[in-house]
C-alpha atoms as a PDB file:
ATOM      1  CA  MET A   1      19.138  -7.400 -14.398  1.00  0.00           C
ATOM      2  CA  ASP A   2      16.332  -6.593 -11.947  1.00  0.00           C
ATOM      3  CA  MET A   3      13.016  -8.269 -12.733  1.00  0.00           C
ATOM      4  CA  GLU A   4       9.999 -10.023 -11.244  1.00  0.00           C
ATOM      5  CA  LEU A   5      10.973 -13.413  -9.844  1.00  0.00           C
ATOM      6  CA  SER A   6       8.902 -16.501 -10.514  1.00  0.00           C
ATOM      7  CA  GLY A   7       6.524 -17.234  -7.634  1.00  0.00           C
ATOM      8  CA  VAL A   8       6.985 -13.905  -5.827  1.00  0.00           C
ATOM      9  CA  ARG A   9       3.660 -12.172  -5.276  1.00  0.00           C
ATOM     10  CA  ILE A  10       2.840  -8.684  -4.060  1.00  0.00           C
ATOM     11  CA  LYS A  11      -0.532  -7.834  -2.581  1.00  0.00           C
ATOM     12  CA  LYS A  12      -1.343  -4.117  -2.730  1.00  0.00           C
ATOM     13  CA  LEU A  13      -2.906  -3.166   0.597  1.00  0.00           C
ATOM     14  CA  VAL A  14      -5.790  -0.745   1.070  1.00  0.00           C
ATOM     15  CA  LYS A  15      -6.057   1.661   4.015  1.00  0.00           C
ATOM     16  CA  TYR A  16      -9.520   2.695   5.150  1.00  0.00           C
ATOM     17  CA  HIS A  17      -9.152   6.212   6.619  1.00  0.00           C
ATOM     18  CA  ASP A  18     -11.458   8.215   8.813  1.00  0.00           C
ATOM     19  CA  GLU A  19     -11.039  10.972  11.412  1.00  0.00           C
ATOM     20  CA  ARG A  20      -9.692   8.453  13.980  1.00  0.00           C
ATOM     21  CA  GLY A  21      -6.885   7.070  11.790  1.00  0.00           C
ATOM     22  CA  TYR A  22      -6.904   4.053   9.483  1.00  0.00           C
ATOM     23  CA  PHE A  23      -7.635   0.322   9.315  1.00  0.00           C
ATOM     24  CA  MET A  24      -5.905  -2.082   6.944  1.00  0.00           C
ATOM     25  CA  GLU A  25      -6.184  -5.822   6.358  1.00  0.00           C
ATOM     26  CA  VAL A  26      -2.764  -7.370   5.707  1.00  0.00           C
ATOM     27  CA  LEU A  27      -3.209 -11.124   5.243  1.00  0.00           C
ATOM     28  CA  ARG A  28      -6.433 -13.113   5.000  1.00  0.00           C
ATOM     29  CA  ASP A  29      -7.107 -16.820   4.631  1.00  0.00           C
ATOM     30  CA  ASP A  30      -9.116 -16.185   1.454  1.00  0.00           C
ATOM     31  CA  ASP A  31      -6.111 -14.432  -0.184  1.00  0.00           C
ATOM     32  CA  LYS A  32      -4.884 -17.952  -1.010  1.00  0.00           C
ATOM     33  CA  LEU A  33      -1.320 -16.796  -0.214  1.00  0.00           C
ATOM     34  CA  LEU A  34      -0.575 -18.553   3.058  1.00  0.00           C
ATOM     35  CA  SER A  35      -0.188 -22.312   2.603  1.00  0.00           C
ATOM     36  CA  LYS A  36       0.195 -22.777   6.361  1.00  0.00           C
ATOM     37  CA  PHE A  37       0.496 -20.454   9.353  1.00  0.00           C
ATOM     38  CA  GLY A  38       3.660 -20.810  11.395  1.00  0.00           C
ATOM     39  CA  GLN A  39       4.525 -17.572  13.155  1.00  0.00           C
ATOM     40  CA  THR A  40       4.303 -13.780  13.068  1.00  0.00           C
ATOM     41  CA  ALA A  41       7.201 -11.608  14.232  1.00  0.00           C
ATOM     42  CA  VAL A  42       7.990  -7.886  14.399  1.00  0.00           C
ATOM     43  CA  SER A  43      11.339  -6.246  13.670  1.00  0.00           C
ATOM     44  CA  LEU A  44      12.539  -2.665  14.178  1.00  0.00           C
ATOM     45  CA  THR A  45      15.597  -1.808  12.084  1.00  0.00           C
ATOM     46  CA  HIS A  46      17.484   1.495  12.289  1.00  0.00           C
ATOM     47  CA  GLN A  47      18.284   3.947   9.495  1.00  0.00           C
ATOM     48  CA  GLY A  48      20.831   2.783   6.925  1.00  0.00           C
ATOM     49  CA  VAL A  49      21.020  -0.797   8.222  1.00  0.00           C
ATOM     50  CA  ILE A  50      21.211  -3.675   5.722  1.00  0.00           C
ATOM     51  CA  LYS A  51      19.766  -7.013   6.843  1.00  0.00           C
ATOM     52  CA  ALA A  52      20.782  -9.447   4.131  1.00  0.00           C
ATOM     53  CA  PHE A  53      20.838 -12.108   2.865  1.00  0.00           C
ATOM     54  CA  HIS A  54      19.173 -15.283   4.121  1.00  0.00           C
ATOM     55  CA  TRP A  55      16.942 -17.980   2.646  1.00  0.00           C
ATOM     56  CA  HIS A  56      14.848 -20.952   3.769  1.00  0.00           C
ATOM     57  CA  LYS A  57      14.613 -24.566   2.602  1.00  0.00           C
ATOM     58  CA  GLY A  58      11.048 -25.158   3.797  1.00  0.00           C
ATOM     59  CA  GLN A  59       9.537 -21.861   4.865  1.00  0.00           C
ATOM     60  CA  ASP A  60       7.767 -19.110   2.920  1.00  0.00           C
ATOM     61  CA  ASP A  61       7.957 -15.548   4.253  1.00  0.00           C
ATOM     62  CA  PHE A  62       5.701 -12.517   3.991  1.00  0.00           C
ATOM     63  CA  PHE A  63       7.164  -9.023   4.557  1.00  0.00           C
ATOM     64  CA  PHE A  64       5.001  -6.033   5.492  1.00  0.00           C
ATOM     65  CA  VAL A  65       6.485  -2.599   6.268  1.00  0.00           C
ATOM     66  CA  VAL A  66       4.303  -0.846   8.839  1.00  0.00           C
ATOM     67  CA  SER A  67       6.435   2.278   9.285  1.00  0.00           C
ATOM     68  CA  GLY A  68       9.449   3.723   7.495  1.00  0.00           C
ATOM     69  CA  GLU A  69      10.792   2.786   4.066  1.00  0.00           C
ATOM     70  CA  ALA A  70      12.769  -0.245   2.901  1.00  0.00           C
ATOM     71  CA  MET A  71      14.376  -1.511  -0.263  1.00  0.00           C
ATOM     72  CA  VAL A  72      13.605  -5.246  -0.289  1.00  0.00           C
ATOM     73  CA  VAL A  73      15.993  -7.297  -2.413  1.00  0.00           C
ATOM     74  CA  LEU A  74      15.210 -10.838  -3.592  1.00  0.00           C
ATOM     75  CA  TYR A  75      17.621 -13.198  -5.350  1.00  0.00           C
ATOM     76  CA  ASP A  76      16.333 -16.395  -6.960  1.00  0.00           C
ATOM     77  CA  ARG A  77      18.645 -19.284  -6.035  1.00  0.00           C
ATOM     78  CA  ARG A  78      16.110 -22.057  -6.792  1.00  0.00           C
ATOM     79  CA  THR A  79      17.565 -24.716  -9.112  1.00  0.00           C
ATOM     80  CA  ASN A  80      14.466 -25.296 -11.261  1.00  0.00           C
ATOM     81  CA  SER A  81      13.166 -21.736 -11.410  1.00  0.00           C
ATOM     82  CA  PRO A  82      12.814 -19.899 -14.739  1.00  0.00           C
ATOM     83  CA  THR A  83      14.222 -16.800 -12.990  1.00  0.00           C
ATOM     84  CA  ARG A  84      17.205 -18.548 -11.325  1.00  0.00           C
ATOM     85  CA  GLY A  85      20.097 -16.139 -10.783  1.00  0.00           C
ATOM     86  CA  LYS A  86      17.909 -13.040 -11.209  1.00  0.00           C
ATOM     87  CA  THR A  87      17.283 -10.222  -8.736  1.00  0.00           C
ATOM     88  CA  GLN A  88      14.073  -8.346  -7.888  1.00  0.00           C
ATOM     89  CA  VAL A  89      14.022  -5.032  -5.999  1.00  0.00           C
ATOM     90  CA  ILE A  90      10.807  -3.938  -4.289  1.00  0.00           C
ATOM     91  CA  SER A  91      10.177  -0.615  -2.578  1.00  0.00           C
ATOM     92  CA  ALA A  92       7.989  -0.947   0.512  1.00  0.00           C
ATOM     93  CA  SER A  93       6.918   1.807   2.884  1.00  0.00           C
ATOM     94  CA  GLU A  94       4.152   3.043   5.113  1.00  0.00           C
ATOM     95  CA  SER A  95       2.889   5.216   2.236  1.00  0.00           C
ATOM     96  CA  ASP A  96       3.090   2.364  -0.305  1.00  0.00           C
ATOM     97  CA  SER A  97       1.534  -0.481   1.667  1.00  0.00           C
ATOM     98  CA  LYS A  98       2.036  -3.968   0.269  1.00  0.00           C
ATOM     99  CA  LEU A  99       2.499  -7.528   1.416  1.00  0.00           C
ATOM    100  CA  ILE A 100       5.448  -9.308  -0.228  1.00  0.00           C
ATOM    101  CA  TYR A 101       5.263 -13.096  -0.544  1.00  0.00           C
ATOM    102  CA  ILE A 102       8.744 -14.664  -0.684  1.00  0.00           C
ATOM    103  CA  PRO A 103       8.767 -18.374  -1.586  1.00  0.00           C
ATOM    104  CA  LYS A 104      11.259 -20.764   0.014  1.00  0.00           C
ATOM    105  CA  GLY A 105      14.587 -20.866  -1.815  1.00  0.00           C
ATOM    106  CA  ILE A 106      14.655 -17.147  -2.622  1.00  0.00           C
ATOM    107  CA  ALA A 107      17.389 -15.254  -0.785  1.00  0.00           C
ATOM    108  CA  HIS A 108      16.066 -12.032   0.678  1.00  0.00           C
ATOM    109  CA  GLY A 109      17.038  -8.995   2.676  1.00  0.00           C
ATOM    110  CA  TYR A 110      16.424  -5.294   2.934  1.00  0.00           C
ATOM    111  CA  LYS A 111      17.995  -1.903   3.534  1.00  0.00           C
ATOM    112  CA  VAL A 112      16.346   0.842   5.564  1.00  0.00           C
ATOM    113  CA  LEU A 113      15.943   4.016   3.502  1.00  0.00           C
ATOM    114  CA  GLY A 114      15.027   7.504   4.646  1.00  0.00           C
ATOM    115  CA  ASP A 115      15.437   9.113   8.029  1.00  0.00           C
ATOM    116  CA  LYS A 116      13.390   6.829  10.275  1.00  0.00           C
ATOM    117  CA  PRO A 117      13.583   3.191  11.358  1.00  0.00           C
ATOM    118  CA  VAL A 118      11.623   0.465   9.605  1.00  0.00           C
ATOM    119  CA  LEU A 119       9.000  -1.391  11.587  1.00  0.00           C
ATOM    120  CA  MET A 120       8.333  -4.648   9.738  1.00  0.00           C
ATOM    121  CA  ILE A 121       5.973  -7.527  10.384  1.00  0.00           C
ATOM    122  CA  TYR A 122       6.973 -10.973   9.127  1.00  0.00           C
ATOM    123  CA  HIS A 123       4.493 -13.779   8.627  1.00  0.00           C
ATOM    124  CA  MET A 124       6.060 -17.212   8.168  1.00  0.00           C
ATOM    125  CA  THR A 125       4.689 -20.627   7.250  1.00  0.00           C
ATOM    126  CA  GLU A 126       6.838 -22.323   9.922  1.00  0.00           C
ATOM    127  CA  SER A 127       7.646 -21.482  13.533  1.00  0.00           C
ATOM    128  CA  TYR A 128      11.283 -20.711  14.251  1.00  0.00           C
ATOM    129  CA  ASP A 129      13.091 -23.718  15.733  1.00  0.00           C
ATOM    130  CA  VAL A 130      16.127 -22.622  17.768  1.00  0.00           C
ATOM    131  CA  LYS A 131      17.609 -26.148  17.734  1.00  0.00           C
ATOM    132  CA  ASN A 132      17.127 -26.651  13.992  1.00  0.00           C
ATOM    133  CA  PRO A 133      16.659 -23.265  12.281  1.00  0.00           C
ATOM    134  CA  ASP A 134      15.513 -23.206   8.651  1.00  0.00           C
ATOM    135  CA  GLU A 135      17.695 -20.244   7.804  1.00  0.00           C
ATOM    136  CA  GLU A 136      20.786 -20.166   5.611  1.00  0.00           C
ATOM    137  CA  ARG A 137      22.883 -16.980   5.631  1.00  0.00           C
ATOM    138  CA  ILE A 138      24.618 -15.299   2.699  1.00  0.00           C
ATOM    139  CA  ASP A 139      26.795 -12.169   3.021  1.00  0.00           C
ATOM    140  CA  PHE A 140      25.114  -8.908   1.982  1.00  0.00           C
ATOM    141  CA  ASP A 141      27.937  -8.343  -0.513  1.00  0.00           C
ATOM    142  CA  ASP A 142      28.012 -11.880  -1.923  1.00  0.00           C
ATOM    143  CA  LYS A 143      29.703 -11.866  -5.359  1.00  0.00           C
ATOM    144  CA  THR A 144      27.287 -14.442  -6.830  1.00  0.00           C
ATOM    145  CA  ILE A 145      24.303 -12.209  -6.038  1.00  0.00           C
ATOM    146  CA  GLY A 146      26.275  -9.122  -7.028  1.00  0.00           C
ATOM    147  CA  PHE A 147      23.929  -6.469  -5.639  1.00  0.00           C
ATOM    148  CA  ASP A 148      24.989  -2.835  -5.188  1.00  0.00           C
ATOM    149  CA  TRP A 149      23.151  -1.636  -2.056  1.00  0.00           C
ATOM    150  CA  GLU A 150      24.138   2.011  -2.669  1.00  0.00           C
ATOM    151  CA  LYS A 151      22.845   2.163  -6.243  1.00  0.00           C
ATOM    152  CA  GLY A 152      19.933  -0.247  -5.597  1.00  0.00           C
ATOM    153  CA  CYS A 153      20.661  -2.538  -8.526  1.00  0.00           C
ATOM    154  CA  SER A 154      22.569  -5.637  -9.623  1.00  0.00           C
ATOM    155  CA  LEU A 155      26.198  -5.173 -10.616  1.00  0.00           C
END
């Protein structure tokens, strides 16, 4: 069953348009979302690609789709969470701007939808450490998670 996972937060973003284009604030210190700043990264992912799943032991992530459209899938694998074993699906796109807060312990990934690549910005509470990465991988078709990427729902 798809649902809202405990601790996941979504900040609806506001674009301020004028004749030159738009301006949008994504993450602010007074949002009280970022416990610590670690790193910001950018990813470009091509049409139809699935990047899933991975999770972190000590790092929180923030996803923000700048361009394109993605189906973001979260799976709660935290032992003491009231939503353990549940899945949440979030649509994110350039026309539906939002910042998705993903707490440590939640497996996450996404699939590019539509006919253009997804340009995504990631904010993280820790810097990536090549020698000791805080990243655990899970196959996109993991039976425990049981997510159908074609239908966009849990099996």
